[in-house]
Structures are given as C-alpha cells and as structure tokens.
Amino acid sequence: MAYDLKLADRIREYLVQFPKLKIDEKEMFRGLTFMVNGKMCVSVSGENLMCRFDPALTEEVAEKNGYQPMIMKGKEYKGYCYIHPEGFKSKKDFEYWVGLCVAFNEKAKASKKAKPKKK
C-alpha cells in the first residue's frame, strides 16, 4: 500500500521545528513511521495519520473529526488511532494531532528490541 507523500512532507516540515528531537523515518505498518528519540511517534498510513498519544486522552480525542480507533486482531490499541484526512485538513488540526504525538513521545516507552535469531 502506498502512503501519502505530501502528508509525510507535512510531518517532516512540522518536526523540523524541534531541533532537539532525533528523528528517524522507517517504512512500517504499510506506511512511513516517524521515530522520535528512538520511539514510534506518528505515521502516515495510506492517506491517514496514525497517531500515538497519551491513552488518558482517549475520550477527548475520540470526539475529534476524523478519529478512528486502532483495532488489530479484534483488539483496540489504547493510545493509538487513525485520523482520516478530514480530521487534519486545516493547519490547526494537523498541528493538534502531530503536536499531541510529540508531546506524548517524551513519556512513551520504547518498544523492546527484537532479540537476534539463533542460527
């Protein structure tokens, strides 16, 4: 599945304003993930944003335009969601979502490193 290259550029342009952040890009989740300080922060998945945010804010963000919970294998992932394009069309809405992800990144736990496979 291809991802929205213009949306990826918008995220890059937003993140560059934070010079203290170490930003890496990885193709994963059938899209492009922006890793901030070694932790997944925000992704482009098709035409949608995939956001990682403080799970305590779920009720608040669930009411926002374009919100869709992230469900994998029948289970809702707390602190993750998809945002459809109508939810981040404006600059203000876009900055809300990506800013939410960046704000949570400091508190977020890094995923465990995969152990090398034994031969």
PDB file of N, CA and C in Angstrom:
ATOM      1  N   MET A   1       0.845  -1.182   0.000  1.00  0.00           N
ATOM      2  CA  MET A   1       0.000   0.000   0.000  1.00  0.00           C
ATOM      3  C   MET A   1       0.886   1.240   0.000  1.00  0.00           C
ATOM      4  N   ALA A   2       0.624   2.139  -0.899  1.00  0.00           N
ATOM      5  CA  ALA A   2       1.377   3.386  -0.955  1.00  0.00           C
ATOM      6  C   ALA A   2       0.854   4.322   0.135  1.00  0.00           C
ATOM      7  N   TYR A   3       1.710   5.244   0.542  1.00  0.00           N
ATOM      8  CA  TYR A   3       1.282   6.231   1.529  1.00  0.00           C
ATOM      9  C   TYR A   3       1.382   7.622   0.928  1.00  0.00           C
ATOM     10  N   ASP A   4       0.692   8.555   1.532  1.00  0.00           N
ATOM     11  CA  ASP A   4       0.590   9.924   1.048  1.00  0.00           C
ATOM     12  C   ASP A   4       1.921  10.660   1.256  1.00  0.00           C
ATOM     13  N   LEU A   5       2.633  10.888   0.168  1.00  0.00           N
ATOM     14  CA  LEU A   5       3.950  11.534   0.243  1.00  0.00           C
ATOM     15  C   LEU A   5       3.849  12.993   0.699  1.00  0.00           C
ATOM     16  N   LYS A   6       2.766  13.675   0.305  1.00  0.00           N
ATOM     17  CA  LYS A   6       2.588  15.068   0.725  1.00  0.00           C
ATOM     18  C   LYS A   6       2.343  15.148   2.233  1.00  0.00           C
ATOM     19  N   LEU A   7       1.608  14.186   2.772  1.00  0.00           N
ATOM     20  CA  LEU A   7       1.380  14.151   4.214  1.00  0.00           C
ATOM     21  C   LEU A   7       2.697  13.888   4.944  1.00  0.00           C
ATOM     22  N   ALA A   8       3.517  12.993   4.405  1.00  0.00           N
ATOM     23  CA  ALA A   8       4.833  12.734   5.001  1.00  0.00           C
ATOM     24  C   ALA A   8       5.668  14.017   5.003  1.00  0.00           C
ATOM     25  N   ASP A   9       5.599  14.790   3.920  1.00  0.00           N
ATOM     26  CA  ASP A   9       6.327  16.064   3.863  1.00  0.00           C
ATOM     27  C   ASP A   9       5.804  17.050   4.909  1.00  0.00           C
ATOM     28  N   ARG A  10       4.490  17.090   5.107  1.00  0.00           N
ATOM     29  CA  ARG A  10       3.913  17.983   6.132  1.00  0.00           C
ATOM     30  C   ARG A  10       4.446  17.620   7.519  1.00  0.00           C
ATOM     31  N   ILE A  11       4.540  16.333   7.793  1.00  0.00           N
ATOM     32  CA  ILE A  11       5.051  15.899   9.091  1.00  0.00           C
ATOM     33  C   ILE A  11       6.513  16.289   9.238  1.00  0.00           C
ATOM     34  N   ARG A  12       7.320  16.043   8.207  1.00  0.00           N
ATOM     35  CA  ARG A  12       8.740  16.444   8.246  1.00  0.00           C
ATOM     36  C   ARG A  12       8.882  17.927   8.542  1.00  0.00           C
ATOM     37  N   GLU A  13       8.114  18.736   7.823  1.00  0.00           N
ATOM     38  CA  GLU A  13       8.183  20.187   7.990  1.00  0.00           C
ATOM     39  C   GLU A  13       7.783  20.608   9.403  1.00  0.00           C
ATOM     40  N   TYR A  14       6.844  19.915   9.988  1.00  0.00           N
ATOM     41  CA  TYR A  14       6.424  20.228  11.347  1.00  0.00           C
ATOM     42  C   TYR A  14       7.505  19.822  12.350  1.00  0.00           C
ATOM     43  N   LEU A  15       8.039  18.625  12.202  1.00  0.00           N
ATOM     44  CA  LEU A  15       9.011  18.118  13.178  1.00  0.00           C
ATOM     45  C   LEU A  15      10.344  18.855  13.155  1.00  0.00           C
ATOM     46  N   VAL A  16      10.709  19.428  12.022  1.00  0.00           N
ATOM     47  CA  VAL A  16      11.996  20.108  11.901  1.00  0.00           C
ATOM     48  C   VAL A  16      12.092  21.326  12.830  1.00  0.00           C
ATOM     49  N   GLN A  17      10.953  21.824  13.297  1.00  0.00           N
ATOM     50  CA  GLN A  17      10.974  22.989  14.195  1.00  0.00           C
ATOM     51  C   GLN A  17      11.438  22.622  15.605  1.00  0.00           C
ATOM     52  N   PHE A  18      11.641  21.333  15.870  1.00  0.00           N
ATOM     53  CA  PHE A  18      12.103  20.868  17.182  1.00  0.00           C
ATOM     54  C   PHE A  18      13.522  20.317  17.043  1.00  0.00           C
ATOM     55  N   PRO A  19      14.534  21.197  17.042  1.00  0.00           N
ATOM     56  CA  PRO A  19      15.904  20.755  16.758  1.00  0.00           C
ATOM     57  C   PRO A  19      16.468  19.757  17.764  1.00  0.00           C
ATOM     58  N   LYS A  20      15.900  19.661  18.964  1.00  0.00           N
ATOM     59  CA  LYS A  20      16.435  18.738  19.962  1.00  0.00           C
ATOM     60  C   LYS A  20      15.952  17.301  19.751  1.00  0.00           C
ATOM     61  N   LEU A  21      14.973  17.119  18.881  1.00  0.00           N
ATOM     62  CA  LEU A  21      14.447  15.781  18.639  1.00  0.00           C
ATOM     63  C   LEU A  21      15.316  15.028  17.639  1.00  0.00           C
ATOM     64  N   LYS A  22      15.564  13.775  17.929  1.00  0.00           N
ATOM     65  CA  LYS A  22      16.264  12.909  16.976  1.00  0.00           C
ATOM     66  C   LYS A  22      15.178  12.186  16.180  1.00  0.00           C
ATOM     67  N   ILE A  23      15.099  12.494  14.900  1.00  0.00           N
ATOM     68  CA  ILE A  23      14.022  11.965  14.065  1.00  0.00           C
ATOM     69  C   ILE A  23      14.578  10.985  13.040  1.00  0.00           C
ATOM     70  N   ASP A  24      13.980   9.812  13.007  1.00  0.00           N
ATOM     71  CA  ASP A  24      14.295   8.794  12.009  1.00  0.00           C
ATOM     72  C   ASP A  24      12.999   8.404  11.329  1.00  0.00           C
ATOM     73  N   GLU A  25      13.109   7.974  10.091  1.00  0.00           N
ATOM     74  CA  GLU A  25      11.941   7.512   9.346  1.00  0.00           C
ATOM     75  C   GLU A  25      12.122   6.040   9.010  1.00  0.00           C
ATOM     76  N   LYS A  26      11.056   5.261   9.210  1.00  0.00           N
ATOM     77  CA  LYS A  26      11.092   3.834   8.897  1.00  0.00           C
ATOM     78  C   LYS A  26       9.819   3.451   8.169  1.00  0.00           C
ATOM     79  N   GLU A  27       9.980   2.671   7.121  1.00  0.00           N
ATOM     80  CA  GLU A  27       8.801   2.151   6.454  1.00  0.00           C
ATOM     81  C   GLU A  27       8.314   0.953   7.251  1.00  0.00           C
ATOM     82  N   MET A  28       7.127   1.082   7.813  1.00  0.00           N
ATOM     83  CA  MET A  28       6.499   0.016   8.592  1.00  0.00           C
ATOM     84  C   MET A  28       5.005   0.271   8.677  1.00  0.00           C
ATOM     85  N   PHE A  29       4.252  -0.706   9.113  1.00  0.00           N
ATOM     86  CA  PHE A  29       2.789  -0.594   9.196  1.00  0.00           C
ATOM     87  C   PHE A  29       2.200  -0.183   7.840  1.00  0.00           C
ATOM     88  N   ARG A  30       2.744  -0.691   6.771  1.00  0.00           N
ATOM     89  CA  ARG A  30       2.308  -0.379   5.405  1.00  0.00           C
ATOM     90  C   ARG A  30       2.314   1.124   5.138  1.00  0.00           C
ATOM     91  N   GLY A  31       3.251   1.820   5.768  1.00  0.00           N
ATOM     92  CA  GLY A  31       3.353   3.258   5.584  1.00  0.00           C
ATOM     93  C   GLY A  31       4.727   3.747   6.007  1.00  0.00           C
ATOM     94  N   LEU A  32       4.795   4.990   6.432  1.00  0.00           N
ATOM     95  CA  LEU A  32       6.042   5.608   6.876  1.00  0.00           C
ATOM     96  C   LEU A  32       5.870   6.068   8.310  1.00  0.00           C
ATOM     97  N   THR A  33       6.744   5.561   9.176  1.00  0.00           N
ATOM     98  CA  THR A  33       6.687   5.906  10.596  1.00  0.00           C
ATOM     99  C   THR A  33       7.809   6.866  10.937  1.00  0.00           C
ATOM    100  N   PHE A  34       7.467   7.896  11.702  1.00  0.00           N
ATOM    101  CA  PHE A  34       8.445   8.850  12.200  1.00  0.00           C
ATOM    102  C   PHE A  34       8.783   8.447  13.625  1.00  0.00           C
ATOM    103  N   MET A  35      10.030   8.045  13.806  1.00  0.00           N
ATOM    104  CA  MET A  35      10.539   7.668  15.117  1.00  0.00           C
ATOM    105  C   MET A  35      11.160   8.931  15.717  1.00  0.00           C
ATOM    106  N   VAL A  36      10.787   9.252  16.934  1.00  0.00           N
ATOM    107  CA  VAL A  36      11.327  10.424  17.621  1.00  0.00           C
ATOM    108  C   VAL A  36      12.030   9.927  18.872  1.00  0.00           C
ATOM    109  N   ASN A  37      13.315  10.236  18.959  1.00  0.00           N
ATOM    110  CA  ASN A  37      14.146   9.802  20.086  1.00  0.00           C
ATOM    111  C   ASN A  37      14.030   8.289  20.311  1.00  0.00           C
ATOM    112  N   GLY A  38      14.017   7.541  19.206  1.00  0.00           N
ATOM    113  CA  GLY A  38      14.008   6.085  19.260  1.00  0.00           C
ATOM    114  C   GLY A  38      12.650   5.454  19.518  1.00  0.00           C
ATOM    115  N   LYS A  39      11.582   6.261  19.541  1.00  0.00           N
ATOM    116  CA  LYS A  39      10.242   5.729  19.823  1.00  0.00           C
ATOM    117  C   LYS A  39       9.276   6.114  18.707  1.00  0.00           C
ATOM    118  N   MET A  40       8.361   5.195  18.401  1.00  0.00           N
ATOM    119  CA  MET A  40       7.360   5.498  17.397  1.00  0.00           C
ATOM    120  C   MET A  40       6.534   6.701  17.850  1.00  0.00           C
ATOM    121  N   CYS A  41       6.380   7.671  16.950  1.00  0.00           N
ATOM    122  CA  CYS A  41       5.663   8.891  17.311  1.00  0.00           C
ATOM    123  C   CYS A  41       4.393   9.054  16.483  1.00  0.00           C
ATOM    124  N   VAL A  42       4.545   9.124  15.168  1.00  0.00           N
ATOM    125  CA  VAL A  42       3.422   9.350  14.263  1.00  0.00           C
ATOM    126  C   VAL A  42       3.752   8.673  12.935  1.00  0.00           C
ATOM    127  N   SER A  43       2.726   8.228  12.243  1.00  0.00           N
ATOM    128  CA  SER A  43       2.926   7.528  10.969  1.00  0.00           C
ATOM    129  C   SER A  43       1.968   8.046   9.908  1.00  0.00           C
ATOM    130  N   VAL A  44       2.366   7.807   8.661  1.00  0.00           N
ATOM    131  CA  VAL A  44       1.478   8.005   7.536  1.00  0.00           C
ATOM    132  C   VAL A  44       1.070   6.607   7.089  1.00  0.00           C
ATOM    133  N   SER A  45      -0.212   6.347   7.104  1.00  0.00           N
ATOM    134  CA  SER A  45      -0.740   5.044   6.711  1.00  0.00           C
ATOM    135  C   SER A  45      -1.763   5.274   5.609  1.00  0.00           C
ATOM    136  N   GLY A  46      -1.367   5.027   4.377  1.00  0.00           N
ATOM    137  CA  GLY A  46      -2.234   5.371   3.245  1.00  0.00           C
ATOM    138  C   GLY A  46      -2.403   6.871   3.196  1.00  0.00           C
ATOM    139  N   GLU A  47      -3.637   7.334   3.327  1.00  0.00           N
ATOM    140  CA  GLU A  47      -3.899   8.778   3.351  1.00  0.00           C
ATOM    141  C   GLU A  47      -4.171   9.278   4.766  1.00  0.00           C
ATOM    142  N   ASN A  48      -4.052   8.390   5.731  1.00  0.00           N
ATOM    143  CA  ASN A  48      -4.368   8.717   7.124  1.00  0.00           C
ATOM    144  C   ASN A  48      -3.119   8.971   7.958  1.00  0.00           C
ATOM    145  N   LEU A  49      -3.325   9.709   9.044  1.00  0.00           N
ATOM    146  CA  LEU A  49      -2.315   9.798  10.095  1.00  0.00           C
ATOM    147  C   LEU A  49      -2.559   8.621  11.036  1.00  0.00           C
ATOM    148  N   MET A  50      -1.490   8.038  11.531  1.00  0.00           N
ATOM    149  CA  MET A  50      -1.616   7.076  12.618  1.00  0.00           C
ATOM    150  C   MET A  50      -0.897   7.719  13.792  1.00  0.00           C
ATOM    151  N   CYS A  51      -1.629   7.979  14.857  1.00  0.00           N
ATOM    152  CA  CYS A  51      -1.103   8.745  15.979  1.00  0.00           C
ATOM    153  C   CYS A  51      -0.891   7.870  17.207  1.00  0.00           C
ATOM    154  N   ARG A  52       0.182   8.183  17.923  1.00  0.00           N
ATOM    155  CA  ARG A  52       0.431   7.585  19.233  1.00  0.00           C
ATOM    156  C   ARG A  52       0.300   8.712  20.240  1.00  0.00           C
ATOM    157  N   PHE A  53      -0.607   8.539  21.201  1.00  0.00           N
ATOM    158  CA  PHE A  53      -0.905   9.613  22.138  1.00  0.00           C
ATOM    159  C   PHE A  53      -1.109   9.037  23.533  1.00  0.00           C
ATOM    160  N   ASP A  54      -1.202   9.915  24.499  1.00  0.00           N
ATOM    161  CA  ASP A  54      -1.428   9.508  25.883  1.00  0.00           C
ATOM    162  C   ASP A  54      -2.791   8.822  25.978  1.00  0.00           C
ATOM    163  N   PRO A  55      -2.832   7.536  26.374  1.00  0.00           N
ATOM    164  CA  PRO A  55      -4.110   6.825  26.460  1.00  0.00           C
ATOM    165  C   PRO A  55      -5.128   7.504  27.377  1.00  0.00           C
ATOM    166  N   ALA A  56      -4.670   8.300  28.328  1.00  0.00           N
ATOM    167  CA  ALA A  56      -5.588   9.009  29.229  1.00  0.00           C
ATOM    168  C   ALA A  56      -6.445  10.029  28.470  1.00  0.00           C
ATOM    169  N   LEU A  57      -6.041  10.393  27.272  1.00  0.00           N
ATOM    170  CA  LEU A  57      -6.767  11.386  26.470  1.00  0.00           C
ATOM    171  C   LEU A  57      -7.750  10.751  25.492  1.00  0.00           C
ATOM    172  N   THR A  58      -7.942   9.444  25.563  1.00  0.00           N
ATOM    173  CA  THR A  58      -8.761   8.741  24.571  1.00  0.00           C
ATOM    174  C   THR A  58     -10.160   9.336  24.434  1.00  0.00           C
ATOM    175  N   GLU A  59     -10.857   9.568  25.526  1.00  0.00           N
ATOM    176  CA  GLU A  59     -12.221  10.114  25.433  1.00  0.00           C
ATOM    177  C   GLU A  59     -12.232  11.463  24.729  1.00  0.00           C
ATOM    178  N   GLU A  60     -11.272  12.305  25.072  1.00  0.00           N
ATOM    179  CA  GLU A  60     -11.194  13.644  24.472  1.00  0.00           C
ATOM    180  C   GLU A  60     -10.934  13.569  22.970  1.00  0.00           C
ATOM    181  N   VAL A  61      -9.933  12.784  22.554  1.00  0.00           N
ATOM    182  CA  VAL A  61      -9.569  12.744  21.131  1.00  0.00           C
ATOM    183  C   VAL A  61     -10.584  11.968  20.306  1.00  0.00           C
ATOM    184  N   ALA A  62     -11.297  11.031  20.922  1.00  0.00           N
ATOM    185  CA  ALA A  62     -12.282  10.228  20.189  1.00  0.00           C
ATOM    186  C   ALA A  62     -13.418  11.079  19.638  1.00  0.00           C
ATOM    187  N   GLU A  63     -13.612  12.264  20.202  1.00  0.00           N
ATOM    188  CA  GLU A  63     -14.682  13.152  19.743  1.00  0.00           C
ATOM    189  C   GLU A  63     -14.246  14.046  18.587  1.00  0.00           C
ATOM    190  N   LYS A  64     -12.973  14.007  18.243  1.00  0.00           N
ATOM    191  CA  LYS A  64     -12.448  14.868  17.177  1.00  0.00           C
ATOM    192  C   LYS A  64     -12.846  14.331  15.804  1.00  0.00           C
ATOM    193  N   ASN A  65     -12.974  15.245  14.872  1.00  0.00           N
ATOM    194  CA  ASN A  65     -13.322  14.905  13.495  1.00  0.00           C
ATOM    195  C   ASN A  65     -12.232  14.007  12.880  1.00  0.00           C
ATOM    196  N   GLY A  66     -12.645  12.927  12.225  1.00  0.00           N
ATOM    197  CA  GLY A  66     -11.714  12.043  11.524  1.00  0.00           C
ATOM    198  C   GLY A  66     -11.144  10.920  12.360  1.00  0.00           C
ATOM    199  N   TYR A  67     -11.438  10.883  13.645  1.00  0.00           N
ATOM    200  CA  TYR A  67     -10.880   9.887  14.562  1.00  0.00           C
ATOM    201  C   TYR A  67     -11.426   8.486  14.273  1.00  0.00           C
ATOM    202  N   GLN A  68     -10.521   7.522  14.311  1.00  0.00           N
ATOM    203  CA  GLN A  68     -10.904   6.115  14.230  1.00  0.00           C
ATOM    204  C   GLN A  68      -9.970   5.347  15.154  1.00  0.00           C
ATOM    205  N   PRO A  69     -10.507   4.547  16.068  1.00  0.00           N
ATOM    206  CA  PRO A  69      -9.626   3.789  16.958  1.00  0.00           C
ATOM    207  C   PRO A  69      -8.796   2.786  16.157  1.00  0.00           C
ATOM    208  N   MET A  70      -7.624   2.465  16.656  1.00  0.00           N
ATOM    209  CA  MET A  70      -6.790   1.461  16.008  1.00  0.00           C
ATOM    210  C   MET A  70      -7.178   0.097  16.564  1.00  0.00           C
ATOM    211  N   ILE A  71      -7.642  -0.772  15.682  1.00  0.00           N
ATOM    212  CA  ILE A  71      -8.041  -2.113  16.086  1.00  0.00           C
ATOM    213  C   ILE A  71      -7.244  -3.120  15.262  1.00  0.00           C
ATOM    214  N   MET A  72      -6.549  -3.986  15.963  1.00  0.00           N
ATOM    215  CA  MET A  72      -5.768  -5.039  15.306  1.00  0.00           C
ATOM    216  C   MET A  72      -6.124  -6.370  15.948  1.00  0.00           C
ATOM    217  N   LYS A  73      -6.423  -7.345  15.113  1.00  0.00           N
ATOM    218  CA  LYS A  73      -6.807  -8.680  15.579  1.00  0.00           C
ATOM    219  C   LYS A  73      -7.962  -8.606  16.580  1.00  0.00           C
ATOM    220  N   GLY A  74      -8.900  -7.696  16.317  1.00  0.00           N
ATOM    221  CA  GLY A  74     -10.084  -7.570  17.155  1.00  0.00           C
ATOM    222  C   GLY A  74      -9.884  -6.828  18.466  1.00  0.00           C
ATOM    223  N   LYS A  75      -8.689  -6.306  18.694  1.00  0.00           N
ATOM    224  CA  LYS A  75      -8.384  -5.622  19.951  1.00  0.00           C
ATOM    225  C   LYS A  75      -8.073  -4.148  19.685  1.00  0.00           C
ATOM    226  N   GLU A  76      -8.702  -3.272  20.486  1.00  0.00           N
ATOM    227  CA  GLU A  76      -8.412  -1.844  20.359  1.00  0.00           C
ATOM    228  C   GLU A  76      -7.100  -1.536  21.073  1.00  0.00           C
ATOM    229  N   TYR A  77      -6.215  -0.855  20.369  1.00  0.00           N
ATOM    230  CA  TYR A  77      -4.926  -0.460  20.945  1.00  0.00           C
ATOM    231  C   TYR A  77      -5.083   0.902  21.606  1.00  0.00           C
ATOM    232  N   LYS A  78      -4.965   0.925  22.909  1.00  0.00           N
ATOM    233  CA  LYS A  78      -5.095   2.171  23.666  1.00  0.00           C
ATOM    234  C   LYS A  78      -3.907   3.082  23.344  1.00  0.00           C
ATOM    235  N   GLY A  79      -4.200   4.348  23.110  1.00  0.00           N
ATOM    236  CA  GLY A  79      -3.146   5.317  22.842  1.00  0.00           C
ATOM    237  C   GLY A  79      -2.714   5.370  21.386  1.00  0.00           C
ATOM    238  N   TYR A  80      -3.437   4.683  20.517  1.00  0.00           N
ATOM    239  CA  TYR A  80      -3.159   4.712  19.080  1.00  0.00           C
ATOM    240  C   TYR A  80      -4.469   4.947  18.347  1.00  0.00           C
ATOM    241  N   CYS A  81      -4.404   5.694  17.250  1.00  0.00           N
ATOM    242  CA  CYS A  81      -5.598   5.892  16.438  1.00  0.00           C
ATOM    243  C   CYS A  81      -5.204   6.279  15.026  1.00  0.00           C
ATOM    244  N   TYR A  82      -6.170   6.180  14.159  1.00  0.00           N
ATOM    245  CA  TYR A  82      -6.044   6.699  12.798  1.00  0.00           C
ATOM    246  C   TYR A  82      -6.858   7.977  12.720  1.00  0.00           C
ATOM    247  N   ILE A  83      -6.375   8.915  11.932  1.00  0.00           N
ATOM    248  CA  ILE A  83      -7.113  10.145  11.671  1.00  0.00           C
ATOM    249  C   ILE A  83      -7.281  10.244  10.164  1.00  0.00           C
ATOM    250  N   HIS A  84      -8.536  10.277   9.725  1.00  0.00           N
ATOM    251  CA  HIS A  84      -8.835  10.404   8.305  1.00  0.00           C
ATOM    252  C   HIS A  84      -8.552  11.840   7.855  1.00  0.00           C
ATOM    253  N   PRO A  85      -8.292  12.055   6.567  1.00  0.00           N
ATOM    254  CA  PRO A  85      -7.889  13.381   6.071  1.00  0.00           C
ATOM    255  C   PRO A  85      -8.770  14.543   6.494  1.00  0.00           C
ATOM    256  N   GLU A  86     -10.078  14.344   6.612  1.00  0.00           N
ATOM    257  CA  GLU A  86     -10.931  15.470   7.018  1.00  0.00           C
ATOM    258  C   GLU A  86     -10.603  15.952   8.431  1.00  0.00           C
ATOM    259  N   GLY A  87      -9.937  15.111   9.210  1.00  0.00           N
ATOM    260  CA  GLY A  87      -9.589  15.468  10.584  1.00  0.00           C
ATOM    261  C   GLY A  87      -8.308  16.269  10.718  1.00  0.00           C
ATOM    262  N   PHE A  88      -7.522  16.367   9.636  1.00  0.00           N
ATOM    263  CA  PHE A  88      -6.274  17.146   9.729  1.00  0.00           C
ATOM    264  C   PHE A  88      -6.066  18.034   8.507  1.00  0.00           C
ATOM    265  N   LYS A  89      -7.163  18.347   7.826  1.00  0.00           N
ATOM    266  CA  LYS A  89      -7.068  19.172   6.621  1.00  0.00           C
ATOM    267  C   LYS A  89      -6.518  20.559   6.935  1.00  0.00           C
ATOM    268  N   SER A  90      -7.022  21.180   7.998  1.00  0.00           N
ATOM    269  CA  SER A  90      -6.552  22.528   8.340  1.00  0.00           C
ATOM    270  C   SER A  90      -5.192  22.449   9.044  1.00  0.00           C
ATOM    271  N   LYS A  91      -4.446  23.530   8.947  1.00  0.00           N
ATOM    272  CA  LYS A  91      -3.139  23.595   9.620  1.00  0.00           C
ATOM    273  C   LYS A  91      -3.306  23.426  11.124  1.00  0.00           C
ATOM    274  N   LYS A  92      -4.328  24.049  11.686  1.00  0.00           N
ATOM    275  CA  LYS A  92      -4.577  23.972  13.129  1.00  0.00           C
ATOM    276  C   LYS A  92      -4.834  22.527  13.566  1.00  0.00           C
ATOM    277  N   ASP A  93      -5.687  21.817  12.830  1.00  0.00           N
ATOM    278  CA  ASP A  93      -5.991  20.427  13.178  1.00  0.00           C
ATOM    279  C   ASP A  93      -4.771  19.522  12.989  1.00  0.00           C
ATOM    280  N   PHE A  94      -4.045  19.734  11.900  1.00  0.00           N
ATOM    281  CA  PHE A  94      -2.828  18.952  11.650  1.00  0.00           C
ATOM    282  C   PHE A  94      -1.839  19.136  12.801  1.00  0.00           C
ATOM    283  N   GLU A  95      -1.606  20.378  13.189  1.00  0.00           N
ATOM    284  CA  GLU A  95      -0.663  20.659  14.269  1.00  0.00           C
ATOM    285  C   GLU A  95      -1.163  20.118  15.609  1.00  0.00           C
ATOM    286  N   TYR A  96      -2.465  20.080  15.805  1.00  0.00           N
ATOM    287  CA  TYR A  96      -3.014  19.479  17.024  1.00  0.00           C
ATOM    288  C   TYR A  96      -2.594  18.013  17.101  1.00  0.00           C
ATOM    289  N   TRP A  97      -2.847  17.263  16.033  1.00  0.00           N
ATOM    290  CA  TRP A  97      -2.579  15.823  16.067  1.00  0.00           C
ATOM    291  C   TRP A  97      -1.097  15.503  16.168  1.00  0.00           C
ATOM    292  N   VAL A  98      -0.286  16.128  15.344  1.00  0.00           N
ATOM    293  CA  VAL A  98       1.150  15.819  15.384  1.00  0.00           C
ATOM    294  C   VAL A  98       1.748  16.344  16.694  1.00  0.00           C
ATOM    295  N   GLY A  99       1.277  17.487  17.159  1.00  0.00           N
ATOM    296  CA  GLY A  99       1.732  18.013  18.445  1.00  0.00           C
ATOM    297  C   GLY A  99       1.367  17.093  19.603  1.00  0.00           C
ATOM    298  N   LEU A 100       0.188  16.499  19.534  1.00  0.00           N
ATOM    299  CA  LEU A 100      -0.248  15.532  20.546  1.00  0.00           C
ATOM    300  C   LEU A 100       0.720  14.352  20.604  1.00  0.00           C
ATOM    301  N   CYS A 101       1.127  13.880  19.437  1.00  0.00           N
ATOM    302  CA  CYS A 101       2.069  12.752  19.354  1.00  0.00           C
ATOM    303  C   CYS A 101       3.446  13.131  19.904  1.00  0.00           C
ATOM    304  N   VAL A 102       3.928  14.299  19.533  1.00  0.00           N
ATOM    305  CA  VAL A 102       5.243  14.759  20.004  1.00  0.00           C
ATOM    306  C   VAL A 102       5.215  14.952  21.520  1.00  0.00           C
ATOM    307  N   ALA A 103       4.127  15.508  22.042  1.00  0.00           N
ATOM    308  CA  ALA A 103       4.019  15.741  23.490  1.00  0.00           C
ATOM    309  C   ALA A 103       4.065  14.424  24.257  1.00  0.00           C
ATOM    310  N   PHE A 104       3.423  13.394  23.733  1.00  0.00           N
ATOM    311  CA  PHE A 104       3.403  12.099  24.423  1.00  0.00           C
ATOM    312  C   PHE A 104       4.732  11.368  24.281  1.00  0.00           C
ATOM    313  N   ASN A 105       5.467  11.652  23.238  1.00  0.00           N
ATOM    314  CA  ASN A 105       6.698  10.915  22.960  1.00  0.00           C
ATOM    315  C   ASN A 105       7.669  10.908  24.127  1.00  0.00           C
ATOM    316  N   GLU A 106       7.742  12.000  24.852  1.00  0.00           N
ATOM    317  CA  GLU A 106       8.670  12.087  25.984  1.00  0.00           C
ATOM    318  C   GLU A 106       8.324  11.054  27.061  1.00  0.00           C
ATOM    319  N   LYS A 107       7.027  10.806  27.273  1.00  0.00           N
ATOM    320  CA  LYS A 107       6.585   9.853  28.290  1.00  0.00           C
ATOM    321  C   LYS A 107       6.470   8.424  27.764  1.00  0.00           C
ATOM    322  N   ALA A 108       6.368   8.288  26.457  1.00  0.00           N
ATOM    323  CA  ALA A 108       6.136   6.970  25.854  1.00  0.00           C
ATOM    324  C   ALA A 108       7.306   6.030  26.108  1.00  0.00           C
ATOM    325  N   LYS A 109       6.975   4.763  26.223  1.00  0.00           N
ATOM    326  CA  LYS A 109       8.016   3.754  26.391  1.00  0.00           C
ATOM    327  C   LYS A 109       8.460   3.275  25.022  1.00  0.00           C
ATOM    328  N   ALA A 110       9.756   3.049  24.896  1.00  0.00           N
ATOM    329  CA  ALA A 110      10.288   2.491  23.659  1.00  0.00           C
ATOM    330  C   ALA A 110       9.906   1.019  23.599  1.00  0.00           C
ATOM    331  N   SER A 111       9.660   0.539  22.397  1.00  0.00           N
ATOM    332  CA  SER A 111       9.334  -0.879  22.267  1.00  0.00           C
ATOM    333  C   SER A 111      10.599  -1.697  22.520  1.00  0.00           C
ATOM    334  N   LYS A 112      10.395  -2.919  22.918  1.00  0.00           N
ATOM    335  CA  LYS A 112      11.529  -3.796  23.200  1.00  0.00           C
ATOM    336  C   LYS A 112      12.230  -4.140  21.900  1.00  0.00           C
ATOM    337  N   LYS A 113      13.538  -4.187  21.961  1.00  0.00           N
ATOM    338  CA  LYS A 113      14.330  -4.546  20.787  1.00  0.00           C
ATOM    339  C   LYS A 113      14.157  -6.044  20.529  1.00  0.00           C
ATOM    340  N   ALA A 114      14.031  -6.386  19.254  1.00  0.00           N
ATOM    341  CA  ALA A 114      13.915  -7.797  18.905  1.00  0.00           C
ATOM    342  C   ALA A 114      15.237  -8.495  19.180  1.00  0.00           C
ATOM    343  N   LYS A 115      15.146  -9.672  19.750  1.00  0.00           N
ATOM    344  CA  LYS A 115      16.354 -10.440  20.021  1.00  0.00           C
ATOM    345  C   LYS A 115      16.842 -11.065  18.729  1.00  0.00           C
ATOM    346  N   PRO A 116      18.161 -11.091  18.513  1.00  0.00           N
ATOM    347  CA  PRO A 116      18.665 -11.703  17.299  1.00  0.00           C
ATOM    348  C   PRO A 116      18.312 -13.196  17.274  1.00  0.00           C
ATOM    349  N   LYS A 117      17.952 -13.669  16.095  1.00  0.00           N
ATOM    350  CA  LYS A 117      17.591 -15.081  15.968  1.00  0.00           C
ATOM    351  C   LYS A 117      18.836 -15.949  16.021  1.00  0.00           C
ATOM    352  N   LYS A 118      18.724 -17.069  16.731  1.00  0.00           N
ATOM    353  CA  LYS A 118      19.853 -18.003  16.823  1.00  0.00           C
ATOM    354  C   LYS A 118      19.917 -18.819  15.550  1.00  0.00           C
ATOM    355  N   LYS A 119      21.126 -19.098  15.155  1.00  0.00           N
ATOM    356  CA  LYS A 119      21.322 -19.891  13.925  1.00  0.00           C
ATOM    357  C   LYS A 119      21.423 -21.352  14.233  1.00  0.00           C
TER     358      LYS A 119
END
